[in-house]
Structures are given as structure tokens and as C-alpha cells.
Protein backbone atom coordinates (compact mmCIF):
# COMPACT_ATOMS: atom_id res chain seq x y z
CA MET A 1 20.04 39.75 -8.26
CA VAL A 2 16.60 39.36 -9.74
CA VAL A 3 18.12 38.12 -12.99
CA ALA A 4 20.22 35.53 -11.14
CA GLU A 5 17.13 34.33 -9.31
CA LEU A 6 15.15 34.05 -12.55
CA LEU A 7 17.91 32.10 -14.21
CA SER A 8 18.09 29.63 -11.35
CA VAL A 9 14.39 28.73 -11.62
CA LYS A 10 13.87 25.58 -13.61
CA ILE A 11 10.62 25.03 -15.44
CA THR A 12 9.98 21.63 -16.88
CA LEU A 13 7.45 21.08 -19.60
CA PRO A 14 5.98 17.66 -20.18
CA PHE A 15 7.43 15.94 -23.20
CA THR A 16 4.47 14.73 -25.22
CA PRO A 17 5.66 13.84 -28.72
CA GLY A 18 2.44 12.00 -29.57
CA ILE A 19 0.01 14.79 -28.82
CA ILE A 20 -0.01 16.33 -32.31
CA PRO A 21 0.04 13.11 -34.37
CA LYS A 22 -2.69 11.60 -32.19
CA ARG A 23 -4.95 14.64 -32.43
CA LYS A 24 -3.96 16.07 -35.82
CA ASP A 25 -7.49 15.68 -37.21
CA SER A 26 -9.03 17.66 -34.39
CA LEU A 27 -6.23 20.21 -34.58
CA ALA A 28 -6.78 20.65 -38.34
CA LYS A 29 -10.51 21.07 -37.78
CA ALA A 30 -9.95 23.64 -35.04
CA VAL A 31 -7.51 25.62 -37.19
CA GLY A 32 -9.96 25.48 -40.11
CA ILE A 33 -12.77 26.81 -37.96
CA ALA A 34 -10.57 29.58 -36.57
CA VAL A 35 -9.49 30.65 -40.06
CA GLY A 36 -13.04 30.44 -41.40
CA GLU A 37 -14.55 32.45 -38.57
CA ASN A 38 -11.81 35.01 -38.02
CA LEU A 39 -9.59 35.36 -41.08
CA LEU A 40 -11.33 34.30 -44.30
CA THR A 41 -15.05 33.87 -44.64
CA LYS A 42 -16.78 32.01 -47.44
CA GLU A 43 -17.77 35.37 -48.92
CA ASP A 44 -14.12 36.51 -48.91
CA ILE A 45 -12.98 33.43 -50.83
CA VAL A 46 -15.86 33.62 -53.32
CA GLY A 47 -15.09 37.31 -53.84
CA ILE A 48 -11.45 36.51 -54.61
CA PHE A 49 -12.38 33.98 -57.28
CA GLU A 50 -15.07 36.21 -58.77
CA ASP A 51 -12.65 39.12 -59.15
CA GLU A 52 -12.08 39.95 -62.84
CA LYS A 53 -8.28 39.97 -62.50
CA MET A 54 -8.32 36.54 -60.85
CA ILE A 55 -10.56 35.13 -63.59
CA ILE A 56 -8.20 36.46 -66.26
CA THR A 57 -5.17 35.05 -64.44
CA LEU A 58 -6.73 31.61 -63.98
CA THR A 59 -7.94 31.51 -67.59
CA THR A 60 -4.55 32.58 -68.93
CA THR A 61 -2.74 29.99 -66.80
CA GLN A 62 -5.10 27.25 -67.92
CA ASN A 63 -4.67 28.24 -71.57
CA GLN A 64 -0.88 28.27 -71.21
CA ARG A 65 -0.90 24.77 -69.73
CA HIS A 66 -3.21 23.53 -72.46
CA ASN A 67 -1.00 25.04 -75.18
CA ALA A 68 2.14 23.58 -73.58
CA ASN A 69 0.53 20.13 -73.56
CA ILE A 70 -0.42 20.44 -77.24
CA ILE A 71 3.12 21.51 -78.17
CA ASN A 72 4.66 18.74 -76.07
CA ASN A 73 2.40 16.09 -77.60
CA ASN A 74 3.09 17.33 -81.13
CA MET A 75 6.84 17.36 -80.53
CA MET A 76 6.82 13.86 -79.09
CA SER A 77 4.82 12.53 -82.02
CA THR A 78 7.29 13.99 -84.54
CA ILE A 79 10.44 12.66 -82.87
CA ASP A 80 11.56 9.33 -84.22
CA LEU A 81 13.40 7.54 -81.45
CA GLY A 82 15.22 5.40 -83.99
CA ASP A 83 16.80 8.53 -85.47
CA CYS A 84 17.89 9.64 -82.01
CA GLU A 85 19.52 6.28 -81.34
CA ASN A 86 21.38 6.44 -84.66
CA LEU A 87 22.67 9.94 -83.89
CA LEU A 88 23.86 8.84 -80.45
CA ARG A 89 25.72 5.89 -81.98
CA LYS A 90 27.49 8.20 -84.43
CA TRP A 91 28.64 10.48 -81.61
CA LYS A 92 30.17 7.66 -79.59
């Protein structure tokens, strides 16, 4: 009986589709403050980036990107687009 009574109760919530878009700046600020005060402090974040493993990872990633750019630029400078067009014409 209690279940039937609970199911028969109707609760209506106001439909406010504009509440988040209108106040997204204040919501973002509030979330940022909550995270900064309760989850991650400035000291936590600095500690993460000062960790030796993190420094090695970031340096390695940066070096890999730099090397990939050098290889890509060298490859592009050695490719003659005219040769590619001639090859494509032969295959047709």
C-alpha cells in the first residue's frame, strides 16, 4: 500500500532550460573554487609537475613531437609533387 501511495504522488520540477547557459560563468567559477579548496590545491598541482617522472614524461613527449615535426618537414621537402602526379597518371 505504501508503494502504491508513493507512486501516485506527482512531483513537478520547474523546467528552466536557461539556468545553466545564463549562469555558466558563475557556475564555472564556483566549481573551480570547490575543486581548488577541496580536491586539488595549488601545492598539489605544483607537486605533480615538479615530480621527476612527470618531468621526464613531458620532456620525452615534447622531444617526440619535435622529432616528428622535423621528419615530417624533411619528408615534405623531398617529395616532388610533379613526380607524384606523373605516377598517378601512369596508374590510371
